Amino acid sequence: MTKLALVTGASAGIGREACAVFARKGYRVIALSRQPTGVESADLELALDLESFEKIEGLAGALDTEIAGAERVILVNNSGYGQFGALRDLSQSMWQKQFST
């Protein structure tokens, strides 16, 4: 059985480096990001749009086999979405986008 690391927000920064760290430690790495960019250390790179529940559910189904075959699974939930400015200035759609992510 393998060790598996699922890393969200893997296209840059902390997420990309987390993929590299887990790969060096012998994990099978699945990099997840809105727009996959070719994470060199990932065994598999998949698109993940956290604003779409349908895409999240579809990805969960695709990962079932990977997760079931692993002796250990680590999730690095690094995805994020930021809003800047005063809270009173945020529209309802901005709030929905923030909380759905």
PDB file of N, CA and C in Angstrom:
ATOM      1  N   MET A   1       0.840  -1.193   0.000  1.00  0.00           N
ATOM      2  CA  MET A   1       0.000   0.000   0.000  1.00  0.00           C
ATOM      3  C   MET A   1       0.877   1.247   0.000  1.00  0.00           C
ATOM      4  N   THR A   2       0.311   2.297  -0.538  1.00  0.00           N
ATOM      5  CA  THR A   2       1.064   3.540  -0.679  1.00  0.00           C
ATOM      6  C   THR A   2       0.595   4.597   0.311  1.00  0.00           C
ATOM      7  N   LYS A   3       1.437   5.590   0.470  1.00  0.00           N
ATOM      8  CA  LYS A   3       1.076   6.790   1.211  1.00  0.00           C
ATOM      9  C   LYS A   3       0.658   7.819   0.172  1.00  0.00           C
ATOM     10  N   LEU A   4      -0.428   8.532   0.435  1.00  0.00           N
ATOM     11  CA  LEU A   4      -1.001   9.456  -0.525  1.00  0.00           C
ATOM     12  C   LEU A   4      -1.118  10.846   0.078  1.00  0.00           C
ATOM     13  N   ALA A   5      -0.695  11.851  -0.677  1.00  0.00           N
ATOM     14  CA  ALA A   5      -0.867  13.244  -0.268  1.00  0.00           C
ATOM     15  C   ALA A   5      -1.716  13.950  -1.311  1.00  0.00           C
ATOM     16  N   LEU A   6      -2.839  14.503  -0.869  1.00  0.00           N
ATOM     17  CA  LEU A   6      -3.709  15.323  -1.716  1.00  0.00           C
ATOM     18  C   LEU A   6      -3.438  16.768  -1.336  1.00  0.00           C
ATOM     19  N   VAL A   7      -3.030  17.585  -2.298  1.00  0.00           N
ATOM     20  CA  VAL A   7      -2.664  18.968  -2.005  1.00  0.00           C
ATOM     21  C   VAL A   7      -3.515  19.900  -2.854  1.00  0.00           C
ATOM     22  N   THR A   8      -4.348  20.726  -2.206  1.00  0.00           N
ATOM     23  CA  THR A   8      -5.134  21.721  -2.930  1.00  0.00           C
ATOM     24  C   THR A   8      -4.313  23.005  -3.036  1.00  0.00           C
ATOM     25  N   GLY A   9      -4.651  23.821  -4.005  1.00  0.00           N
ATOM     26  CA  GLY A   9      -3.888  25.054  -4.216  1.00  0.00           C
ATOM     27  C   GLY A   9      -2.450  24.748  -4.594  1.00  0.00           C
ATOM     28  N   ALA A  10      -2.258  23.708  -5.412  1.00  0.00           N
ATOM     29  CA  ALA A  10      -0.923  23.178  -5.683  1.00  0.00           C
ATOM     30  C   ALA A  10      -0.174  23.882  -6.808  1.00  0.00           C
ATOM     31  N   SER A  11      -0.794  24.826  -7.473  1.00  0.00           N
ATOM     32  CA  SER A  11      -0.156  25.417  -8.648  1.00  0.00           C
ATOM     33  C   SER A  11       0.976  26.382  -8.321  1.00  0.00           C
ATOM     34  N   ALA A  12       1.041  26.873  -7.078  1.00  0.00           N
ATOM     35  CA  ALA A  12       2.084  27.849  -6.719  1.00  0.00           C
ATOM     36  C   ALA A  12       2.296  27.879  -5.214  1.00  0.00           C
ATOM     37  N   GLY A  13       3.354  28.536  -4.810  1.00  0.00           N
ATOM     38  CA  GLY A  13       3.605  28.833  -3.409  1.00  0.00           C
ATOM     39  C   GLY A  13       3.663  27.637  -2.487  1.00  0.00           C
ATOM     40  N   ILE A  14       2.958  27.746  -1.365  1.00  0.00           N
ATOM     41  CA  ILE A  14       2.964  26.721  -0.327  1.00  0.00           C
ATOM     42  C   ILE A  14       2.478  25.380  -0.870  1.00  0.00           C
ATOM     43  N   GLY A  15       1.432  25.388  -1.675  1.00  0.00           N
ATOM     44  CA  GLY A  15       0.902  24.144  -2.228  1.00  0.00           C
ATOM     45  C   GLY A  15       1.905  23.423  -3.110  1.00  0.00           C
ATOM     46  N   ARG A  16       2.571  24.156  -3.968  1.00  0.00           N
ATOM     47  CA  ARG A  16       3.573  23.565  -4.868  1.00  0.00           C
ATOM     48  C   ARG A  16       4.732  22.993  -4.056  1.00  0.00           C
ATOM     49  N   GLU A  17       5.165  23.720  -3.039  1.00  0.00           N
ATOM     50  CA  GLU A  17       6.270  23.238  -2.200  1.00  0.00           C
ATOM     51  C   GLU A  17       5.840  22.033  -1.369  1.00  0.00           C
ATOM     52  N   ALA A  18       4.583  22.015  -0.894  1.00  0.00           N
ATOM     53  CA  ALA A  18       4.083  20.854  -0.147  1.00  0.00           C
ATOM     54  C   ALA A  18       4.129  19.609  -1.029  1.00  0.00           C
ATOM     55  N   CYS A  19       3.787  19.747  -2.299  1.00  0.00           N
ATOM     56  CA  CYS A  19       3.870  18.607  -3.231  1.00  0.00           C
ATOM     57  C   CYS A  19       5.301  18.075  -3.289  1.00  0.00           C
ATOM     58  N   ALA A  20       6.254  18.979  -3.399  1.00  0.00           N
ATOM     59  CA  ALA A  20       7.666  18.576  -3.485  1.00  0.00           C
ATOM     60  C   ALA A  20       8.127  17.876  -2.209  1.00  0.00           C
ATOM     61  N   VAL A  21       7.727  18.390  -1.054  1.00  0.00           N
ATOM     62  CA  VAL A  21       8.116  17.788   0.234  1.00  0.00           C
ATOM     63  C   VAL A  21       7.569  16.370   0.345  1.00  0.00           C
ATOM     64  N   PHE A  22       6.293  16.187   0.049  1.00  0.00           N
ATOM     65  CA  PHE A  22       5.702  14.850   0.152  1.00  0.00           C
ATOM     66  C   PHE A  22       6.298  13.886  -0.863  1.00  0.00           C
ATOM     67  N   ALA A  23       6.595  14.377  -2.060  1.00  0.00           N
ATOM     68  CA  ALA A  23       7.222  13.515  -3.063  1.00  0.00           C
ATOM     69  C   ALA A  23       8.586  13.025  -2.575  1.00  0.00           C
ATOM     70  N   ARG A  24       9.364  13.923  -1.976  1.00  0.00           N
ATOM     71  CA  ARG A  24      10.681  13.530  -1.444  1.00  0.00           C
ATOM     72  C   ARG A  24      10.556  12.499  -0.328  1.00  0.00           C
ATOM     73  N   LYS A  25       9.443  12.522   0.379  1.00  0.00           N
ATOM     74  CA  LYS A  25       9.230  11.594   1.495  1.00  0.00           C
ATOM     75  C   LYS A  25       8.562  10.294   1.040  1.00  0.00           C
ATOM     76  N   GLY A  26       8.424  10.106  -0.276  1.00  0.00           N
ATOM     77  CA  GLY A  26       7.922   8.848  -0.799  1.00  0.00           C
ATOM     78  C   GLY A  26       6.417   8.738  -0.940  1.00  0.00           C
ATOM     79  N   TYR A  27       5.695   9.829  -0.842  1.00  0.00           N
ATOM     80  CA  TYR A  27       4.247   9.820  -1.014  1.00  0.00           C
ATOM     81  C   TYR A  27       3.883   9.861  -2.496  1.00  0.00           C
ATOM     82  N   ARG A  28       2.778   9.257  -2.836  1.00  0.00           N
ATOM     83  CA  ARG A  28       2.159   9.477  -4.145  1.00  0.00           C
ATOM     84  C   ARG A  28       1.433  10.803  -3.993  1.00  0.00           C
ATOM     85  N   VAL A  29       1.728  11.768  -4.844  1.00  0.00           N
ATOM     86  CA  VAL A  29       1.204  13.129  -4.704  1.00  0.00           C
ATOM     87  C   VAL A  29       0.179  13.411  -5.793  1.00  0.00           C
ATOM     88  N   ILE A  30      -0.993  13.873  -5.353  1.00  0.00           N
ATOM     89  CA  ILE A  30      -2.013  14.342  -6.280  1.00  0.00           C
ATOM     90  C   ILE A  30      -2.177  15.837  -6.049  1.00  0.00           C
ATOM     91  N   ALA A  31      -1.809  16.605  -7.065  1.00  0.00           N
ATOM     92  CA  ALA A  31      -1.880  18.065  -7.008  1.00  0.00           C
ATOM     93  C   ALA A  31      -3.230  18.520  -7.546  1.00  0.00           C
ATOM     94  N   LEU A  32      -3.910  19.358  -6.793  1.00  0.00           N
ATOM     95  CA  LEU A  32      -5.234  19.858  -7.166  1.00  0.00           C
ATOM     96  C   LEU A  32      -5.193  21.375  -7.227  1.00  0.00           C
ATOM     97  N   SER A  33      -5.642  21.940  -8.342  1.00  0.00           N
ATOM     98  CA  SER A  33      -5.689  23.398  -8.461  1.00  0.00           C
ATOM     99  C   SER A  33      -6.707  23.792  -9.520  1.00  0.00           C
ATOM    100  N   ARG A  34      -7.127  25.061  -9.469  1.00  0.00           N
ATOM    101  CA  ARG A  34      -8.110  25.546 -10.442  1.00  0.00           C
ATOM    102  C   ARG A  34      -7.613  25.370 -11.869  1.00  0.00           C
ATOM    103  N   GLN A  35      -6.360  25.731 -12.072  1.00  0.00           N
ATOM    104  CA  GLN A  35      -5.765  25.615 -13.405  1.00  0.00           C
ATOM    105  C   GLN A  35      -4.427  24.897 -13.271  1.00  0.00           C
ATOM    106  N   PRO A  36      -4.408  23.589 -13.496  1.00  0.00           N
ATOM    107  CA  PRO A  36      -3.158  22.831 -13.390  1.00  0.00           C
ATOM    108  C   PRO A  36      -2.049  23.461 -14.228  1.00  0.00           C
ATOM    109  N   THR A  37      -0.854  23.505 -13.631  1.00  0.00           N
ATOM    110  CA  THR A  37       0.263  24.206 -14.272  1.00  0.00           C
ATOM    111  C   THR A  37       1.479  23.325 -14.506  1.00  0.00           C
ATOM    112  N   GLY A  38       1.353  22.031 -14.291  1.00  0.00           N
ATOM    113  CA  GLY A  38       2.504  21.153 -14.502  1.00  0.00           C
ATOM    114  C   GLY A  38       3.382  21.059 -13.274  1.00  0.00           C
ATOM    115  N   VAL A  39       2.826  20.661 -12.153  1.00  0.00           N
ATOM    116  CA  VAL A  39       3.599  20.502 -10.919  1.00  0.00           C
ATOM    117  C   VAL A  39       4.518  19.291 -11.103  1.00  0.00           C
ATOM    118  N   GLU A  40       5.805  19.540 -11.197  1.00  0.00           N
ATOM    119  CA  GLU A  40       6.786  18.506 -11.524  1.00  0.00           C
ATOM    120  C   GLU A  40       6.795  17.352 -10.534  1.00  0.00           C
ATOM    121  N   SER A  41       6.611  17.641  -9.266  1.00  0.00           N
ATOM    122  CA  SER A  41       6.727  16.607  -8.238  1.00  0.00           C
ATOM    123  C   SER A  41       5.455  15.781  -8.058  1.00  0.00           C
ATOM    124  N   ALA A  42       4.385  16.126  -8.771  1.00  0.00           N
ATOM    125  CA  ALA A  42       3.110  15.413  -8.619  1.00  0.00           C
ATOM    126  C   ALA A  42       3.077  14.173  -9.494  1.00  0.00           C
ATOM    127  N   ASP A  43       2.487  13.106  -8.960  1.00  0.00           N
ATOM    128  CA  ASP A  43       2.243  11.897  -9.742  1.00  0.00           C
ATOM    129  C   ASP A  43       1.021  12.075 -10.631  1.00  0.00           C
ATOM    130  N   LEU A  44       0.085  12.904 -10.166  1.00  0.00           N
ATOM    131  CA  LEU A  44      -1.161  13.154 -10.878  1.00  0.00           C
ATOM    132  C   LEU A  44      -1.579  14.578 -10.569  1.00  0.00           C
ATOM    133  N   GLU A  45      -2.015  15.300 -11.580  1.00  0.00           N
ATOM    134  CA  GLU A  45      -2.467  16.674 -11.383  1.00  0.00           C
ATOM    135  C   GLU A  45      -3.871  16.800 -11.946  1.00  0.00           C
ATOM    136  N   LEU A  46      -4.796  17.281 -11.123  1.00  0.00           N
ATOM    137  CA  LEU A  46      -6.198  17.373 -11.520  1.00  0.00           C
ATOM    138  C   LEU A  46      -6.739  18.772 -11.277  1.00  0.00           C
ATOM    139  N   ALA A  47      -7.712  19.166 -12.080  1.00  0.00           N
ATOM    140  CA  ALA A  47      -8.370  20.455 -11.900  1.00  0.00           C
ATOM    141  C   ALA A  47      -9.381  20.357 -10.766  1.00  0.00           C
ATOM    142  N   LEU A  48      -9.415  21.376  -9.928  1.00  0.00           N
ATOM    143  CA  LEU A  48     -10.379  21.445  -8.831  1.00  0.00           C
ATOM    144  C   LEU A  48     -10.879  22.871  -8.720  1.00  0.00           C
ATOM    145  N   ASP A  49     -12.145  23.076  -9.025  1.00  0.00           N
ATOM    146  CA  ASP A  49     -12.775  24.386  -8.906  1.00  0.00           C
ATOM    147  C   ASP A  49     -13.705  24.329  -7.703  1.00  0.00           C
ATOM    148  N   LEU A  50     -13.311  24.969  -6.608  1.00  0.00           N
ATOM    149  CA  LEU A  50     -14.087  24.899  -5.378  1.00  0.00           C
ATOM    150  C   LEU A  50     -15.384  25.696  -5.423  1.00  0.00           C
ATOM    151  N   GLU A  51     -15.630  26.397  -6.518  1.00  0.00           N
ATOM    152  CA  GLU A  51     -16.894  27.112  -6.656  1.00  0.00           C
ATOM    153  C   GLU A  51     -17.974  26.251  -7.289  1.00  0.00           C
ATOM    154  N   SER A  52     -17.633  25.038  -7.694  1.00  0.00           N
ATOM    155  CA  SER A  52     -18.587  24.155  -8.366  1.00  0.00           C
ATOM    156  C   SER A  52     -18.764  22.865  -7.565  1.00  0.00           C
ATOM    157  N   PHE A  53     -19.920  22.723  -6.913  1.00  0.00           N
ATOM    158  CA  PHE A  53     -20.177  21.512  -6.141  1.00  0.00           C
ATOM    159  C   PHE A  53     -20.189  20.277  -7.039  1.00  0.00           C
ATOM    160  N   GLU A  54     -20.653  20.429  -8.278  1.00  0.00           N
ATOM    161  CA  GLU A  54     -20.676  19.301  -9.212  1.00  0.00           C
ATOM    162  C   GLU A  54     -19.255  18.815  -9.503  1.00  0.00           C
ATOM    163  N   LYS A  55     -18.334  19.751  -9.706  1.00  0.00           N
ATOM    164  CA  LYS A  55     -16.946  19.380  -9.984  1.00  0.00           C
ATOM    165  C   LYS A  55     -16.283  18.765  -8.758  1.00  0.00           C
ATOM    166  N   ILE A  56     -16.620  19.266  -7.579  1.00  0.00           N
ATOM    167  CA  ILE A  56     -16.070  18.700  -6.343  1.00  0.00           C
ATOM    168  C   ILE A  56     -16.543  17.267  -6.182  1.00  0.00           C
ATOM    169  N   GLU A  57     -17.844  17.030  -6.371  1.00  0.00           N
ATOM    170  CA  GLU A  57     -18.384  15.678  -6.249  1.00  0.00           C
ATOM    171  C   GLU A  57     -17.791  14.745  -7.296  1.00  0.00           C
ATOM    172  N   GLY A  58     -17.612  15.235  -8.513  1.00  0.00           N
ATOM    173  CA  GLY A  58     -17.016  14.429  -9.569  1.00  0.00           C
ATOM    174  C   GLY A  58     -15.578  14.052  -9.248  1.00  0.00           C
ATOM    175  N   LEU A  59     -14.852  14.988  -8.705  1.00  0.00           N
ATOM    176  CA  LEU A  59     -13.461  14.715  -8.325  1.00  0.00           C
ATOM    177  C   LEU A  59     -13.406  13.722  -7.176  1.00  0.00           C
ATOM    178  N   ALA A  60     -14.322  13.857  -6.236  1.00  0.00           N
ATOM    179  CA  ALA A  60     -14.355  12.914  -5.107  1.00  0.00           C
ATOM    180  C   ALA A  60     -14.545  11.499  -5.618  1.00  0.00           C
ATOM    181  N   GLY A  61     -15.414  11.320  -6.579  1.00  0.00           N
ATOM    182  CA  GLY A  61     -15.625   9.997  -7.158  1.00  0.00           C
ATOM    183  C   GLY A  61     -14.376   9.474  -7.852  1.00  0.00           C
ATOM    184  N   ALA A  62     -13.675  10.364  -8.537  1.00  0.00           N
ATOM    185  CA  ALA A  62     -12.458   9.971  -9.249  1.00  0.00           C
ATOM    186  C   ALA A  62     -11.334   9.587  -8.289  1.00  0.00           C
ATOM    187  N   LEU A  63     -11.354  10.129  -7.084  1.00  0.00           N
ATOM    188  CA  LEU A  63     -10.295   9.857  -6.109  1.00  0.00           C
ATOM    189  C   LEU A  63     -10.595   8.665  -5.205  1.00  0.00           C
ATOM    190  N   ASP A  64     -11.811   8.134  -5.264  1.00  0.00           N
ATOM    191  CA  ASP A  64     -12.192   7.007  -4.406  1.00  0.00           C
ATOM    192  C   ASP A  64     -11.192   5.857  -4.470  1.00  0.00           C
ATOM    193  N   THR A  65     -10.812   5.457  -5.668  1.00  0.00           N
ATOM    194  CA  THR A  65      -9.891   4.332  -5.834  1.00  0.00           C
ATOM    195  C   THR A  65      -8.518   4.656  -5.268  1.00  0.00           C
ATOM    196  N   GLU A  66      -8.042   5.866  -5.528  1.00  0.00           N
ATOM    197  CA  GLU A  66      -6.734   6.298  -5.006  1.00  0.00           C
ATOM    198  C   GLU A  66      -6.726   6.237  -3.482  1.00  0.00           C
ATOM    199  N   ILE A  67      -7.767   6.770  -2.885  1.00  0.00           N
ATOM    200  CA  ILE A  67      -7.839   6.832  -1.425  1.00  0.00           C
ATOM    201  C   ILE A  67      -7.998   5.435  -0.834  1.00  0.00           C
ATOM    202  N   ALA A  68      -8.842   4.617  -1.438  1.00  0.00           N
ATOM    203  CA  ALA A  68      -9.078   3.262  -0.927  1.00  0.00           C
ATOM    204  C   ALA A  68      -7.808   2.411  -0.958  1.00  0.00           C
ATOM    205  N   GLY A  69      -6.924   2.672  -1.919  1.00  0.00           N
ATOM    206  CA  GLY A  69      -5.710   1.879  -2.045  1.00  0.00           C
ATOM    207  C   GLY A  69      -4.531   2.379  -1.231  1.00  0.00           C
ATOM    208  N   ALA A  70      -4.721   3.438  -0.462  1.00  0.00           N
ATOM    209  CA  ALA A  70      -3.619   4.019   0.303  1.00  0.00           C
ATOM    210  C   ALA A  70      -3.672   3.582   1.759  1.00  0.00           C
ATOM    211  N   GLU A  71      -2.510   3.351   2.329  1.00  0.00           N
ATOM    212  CA  GLU A  71      -2.463   3.017   3.754  1.00  0.00           C
ATOM    213  C   GLU A  71      -2.566   4.275   4.608  1.00  0.00           C
ATOM    214  N   ARG A  72      -2.146   5.401   4.052  1.00  0.00           N
ATOM    215  CA  ARG A  72      -2.200   6.679   4.769  1.00  0.00           C
ATOM    216  C   ARG A  72      -2.545   7.762   3.763  1.00  0.00           C
ATOM    217  N   VAL A  73      -3.477   8.643   4.129  1.00  0.00           N
ATOM    218  CA  VAL A  73      -3.865   9.748   3.256  1.00  0.00           C
ATOM    219  C   VAL A  73      -3.731  11.044   4.038  1.00  0.00           C
ATOM    220  N   ILE A  74      -3.017  11.989   3.443  1.00  0.00           N
ATOM    221  CA  ILE A  74      -2.859  13.308   4.049  1.00  0.00           C
ATOM    222  C   ILE A  74      -3.477  14.324   3.104  1.00  0.00           C
ATOM    223  N   LEU A  75      -4.295  15.225   3.661  1.00  0.00           N
ATOM    224  CA  LEU A  75      -4.882  16.313   2.889  1.00  0.00           C
ATOM    225  C   LEU A  75      -4.245  17.614   3.343  1.00  0.00           C
ATOM    226  N   VAL A  76      -3.647  18.325   2.402  1.00  0.00           N
ATOM    227  CA  VAL A  76      -3.156  19.675   2.660  1.00  0.00           C
ATOM    228  C   VAL A  76      -4.153  20.597   1.975  1.00  0.00           C
ATOM    229  N   ASN A  77      -5.027  21.200   2.769  1.00  0.00           N
ATOM    230  CA  ASN A  77      -6.091  22.044   2.238  1.00  0.00           C
ATOM    231  C   ASN A  77      -5.579  23.476   2.146  1.00  0.00           C
ATOM    232  N   ASN A  78      -4.894  23.756   1.068  1.00  0.00           N
ATOM    233  CA  ASN A  78      -4.206  25.019   0.887  1.00  0.00           C
ATOM    234  C   ASN A  78      -4.949  25.981  -0.034  1.00  0.00           C
ATOM    235  N   SER A  79      -6.059  25.559  -0.616  1.00  0.00           N
ATOM    236  CA  SER A  79      -6.808  26.443  -1.518  1.00  0.00           C
ATOM    237  C   SER A  79      -7.336  27.634  -0.751  1.00  0.00           C
ATOM    238  N   GLY A  80      -7.479  28.704  -1.454  1.00  0.00           N
ATOM    239  CA  GLY A  80      -8.016  29.875  -0.777  1.00  0.00           C
ATOM    240  C   GLY A  80      -8.555  30.893  -1.748  1.00  0.00           C
ATOM    241  N   TYR A  81      -9.232  31.831  -1.186  1.00  0.00           N
ATOM    242  CA  TYR A  81      -9.815  32.921  -1.940  1.00  0.00           C
ATOM    243  C   TYR A  81      -9.859  34.107  -1.008  1.00  0.00           C
ATOM    244  N   GLY A  82      -9.367  35.226  -1.427  1.00  0.00           N
ATOM    245  CA  GLY A  82      -9.326  36.387  -0.542  1.00  0.00           C
ATOM    246  C   GLY A  82     -10.163  37.542  -1.046  1.00  0.00           C
ATOM    247  N   GLN A  83     -10.723  38.261  -0.112  1.00  0.00           N
ATOM    248  CA  GLN A  83     -11.446  39.495  -0.391  1.00  0.00           C
ATOM    249  C   GLN A  83     -10.706  40.614   0.329  1.00  0.00           C
ATOM    250  N   PHE A  84     -10.579  41.723  -0.336  1.00  0.00           N
ATOM    251  CA  PHE A  84      -9.880  42.845   0.271  1.00  0.00           C
ATOM    252  C   PHE A  84     -10.807  44.042   0.356  1.00  0.00           C
ATOM    253  N   GLY A  85     -10.671  44.779   1.406  1.00  0.00           N
ATOM    254  CA  GLY A  85     -11.499  45.958   1.607  1.00  0.00           C
ATOM    255  C   GLY A  85     -12.383  45.796   2.834  1.00  0.00           C
ATOM    256  N   ALA A  86     -13.197  46.796   3.054  1.00  0.00           N
ATOM    257  CA  ALA A  86     -14.089  46.793   4.214  1.00  0.00           C
ATOM    258  C   ALA A  86     -15.214  45.779   4.017  1.00  0.00           C
ATOM    259  N   LEU A  87     -15.582  45.087   5.097  1.00  0.00           N
ATOM    260  CA  LEU A  87     -16.648  44.088   5.027  1.00  0.00           C
ATOM    261  C   LEU A  87     -17.956  44.676   4.510  1.00  0.00           C
ATOM    262  N   ARG A  88     -18.252  45.890   4.901  1.00  0.00           N
ATOM    263  CA  ARG A  88     -19.520  46.508   4.497  1.00  0.00           C
ATOM    264  C   ARG A  88     -19.593  46.746   2.986  1.00  0.00           C
ATOM    265  N   ASP A  89     -18.436  46.718   2.319  1.00  0.00           N
ATOM    266  CA  ASP A  89     -18.402  46.964   0.877  1.00  0.00           C
ATOM    267  C   ASP A  89     -18.543  45.696   0.035  1.00  0.00           C
ATOM    268  N   LEU A  90     -18.582  44.537   0.668  1.00  0.00           N
ATOM    269  CA  LEU A  90     -18.671  43.284  -0.072  1.00  0.00           C
ATOM    270  C   LEU A  90     -20.111  43.003  -0.501  1.00  0.00           C
ATOM    271  N   SER A  91     -20.274  42.615  -1.751  1.00  0.00           N
ATOM    272  CA  SER A  91     -21.604  42.286  -2.256  1.00  0.00           C
ATOM    273  C   SER A  91     -21.982  40.869  -1.824  1.00  0.00           C
ATOM    274  N   GLN A  92     -23.251  40.525  -2.014  1.00  0.00           N
ATOM    275  CA  GLN A  92     -23.713  39.183  -1.668  1.00  0.00           C
ATOM    276  C   GLN A  92     -22.967  38.131  -2.484  1.00  0.00           C
ATOM    277  N   SER A  93     -22.727  38.399  -3.762  1.00  0.00           N
ATOM    278  CA  SER A  93     -22.016  37.420  -4.587  1.00  0.00           C
ATOM    279  C   SER A  93     -20.569  37.241  -4.112  1.00  0.00           C
ATOM    280  N   MET A  94     -19.959  38.313  -3.626  1.00  0.00           N
ATOM    281  CA  MET A  94     -18.592  38.194  -3.092  1.00  0.00           C
ATOM    282  C   MET A  94     -18.585  37.333  -1.831  1.00  0.00           C
ATOM    283  N   TRP A  95     -19.589  37.519  -0.975  1.00  0.00           N
ATOM    284  CA  TRP A  95     -19.694  36.693   0.234  1.00  0.00           C
ATOM    285  C   TRP A  95     -19.881  35.229  -0.129  1.00  0.00           C
ATOM    286  N   GLN A  96     -20.766  34.966  -1.095  1.00  0.00           N
ATOM    287  CA  GLN A  96     -21.018  33.587  -1.513  1.00  0.00           C
ATOM    288  C   GLN A  96     -19.751  32.947  -2.058  1.00  0.00           C
ATOM    289  N   LYS A  97     -19.001  33.673  -2.862  1.00  0.00           N
ATOM    290  CA  LYS A  97     -17.768  33.143  -3.425  1.00  0.00           C
ATOM    291  C   LYS A  97     -16.762  32.836  -2.323  1.00  0.00           C
ATOM    292  N   GLN A  98     -16.647  33.736  -1.346  1.00  0.00           N
ATOM    293  CA  GLN A  98     -15.717  33.536  -0.234  1.00  0.00           C
ATOM    294  C   GLN A  98     -16.065  32.274   0.566  1.00  0.00           C
ATOM    295  N   PHE A  99     -17.315  32.135   0.938  1.00  0.00           N
ATOM    296  CA  PHE A  99     -17.695  31.006   1.787  1.00  0.00           C
ATOM    297  C   PHE A  99     -17.783  29.689   1.027  1.00  0.00           C
ATOM    298  N   SER A 100     -18.080  29.731  -0.263  1.00  0.00           N
ATOM    299  CA  SER A 100     -18.103  28.480  -1.012  1.00  0.00           C
ATOM    300  C   SER A 100     -16.703  27.922  -1.189  1.00  0.00           C
ATOM    301  N   THR A 101     -15.716  28.800  -1.242  1.00  0.00           N
ATOM    302  CA  THR A 101     -14.330  28.332  -1.365  1.00  0.00           C
ATOM    303  C   THR A 101     -13.845  27.841  -0.031  1.00  0.00           C
TER     304      THR A 101
END
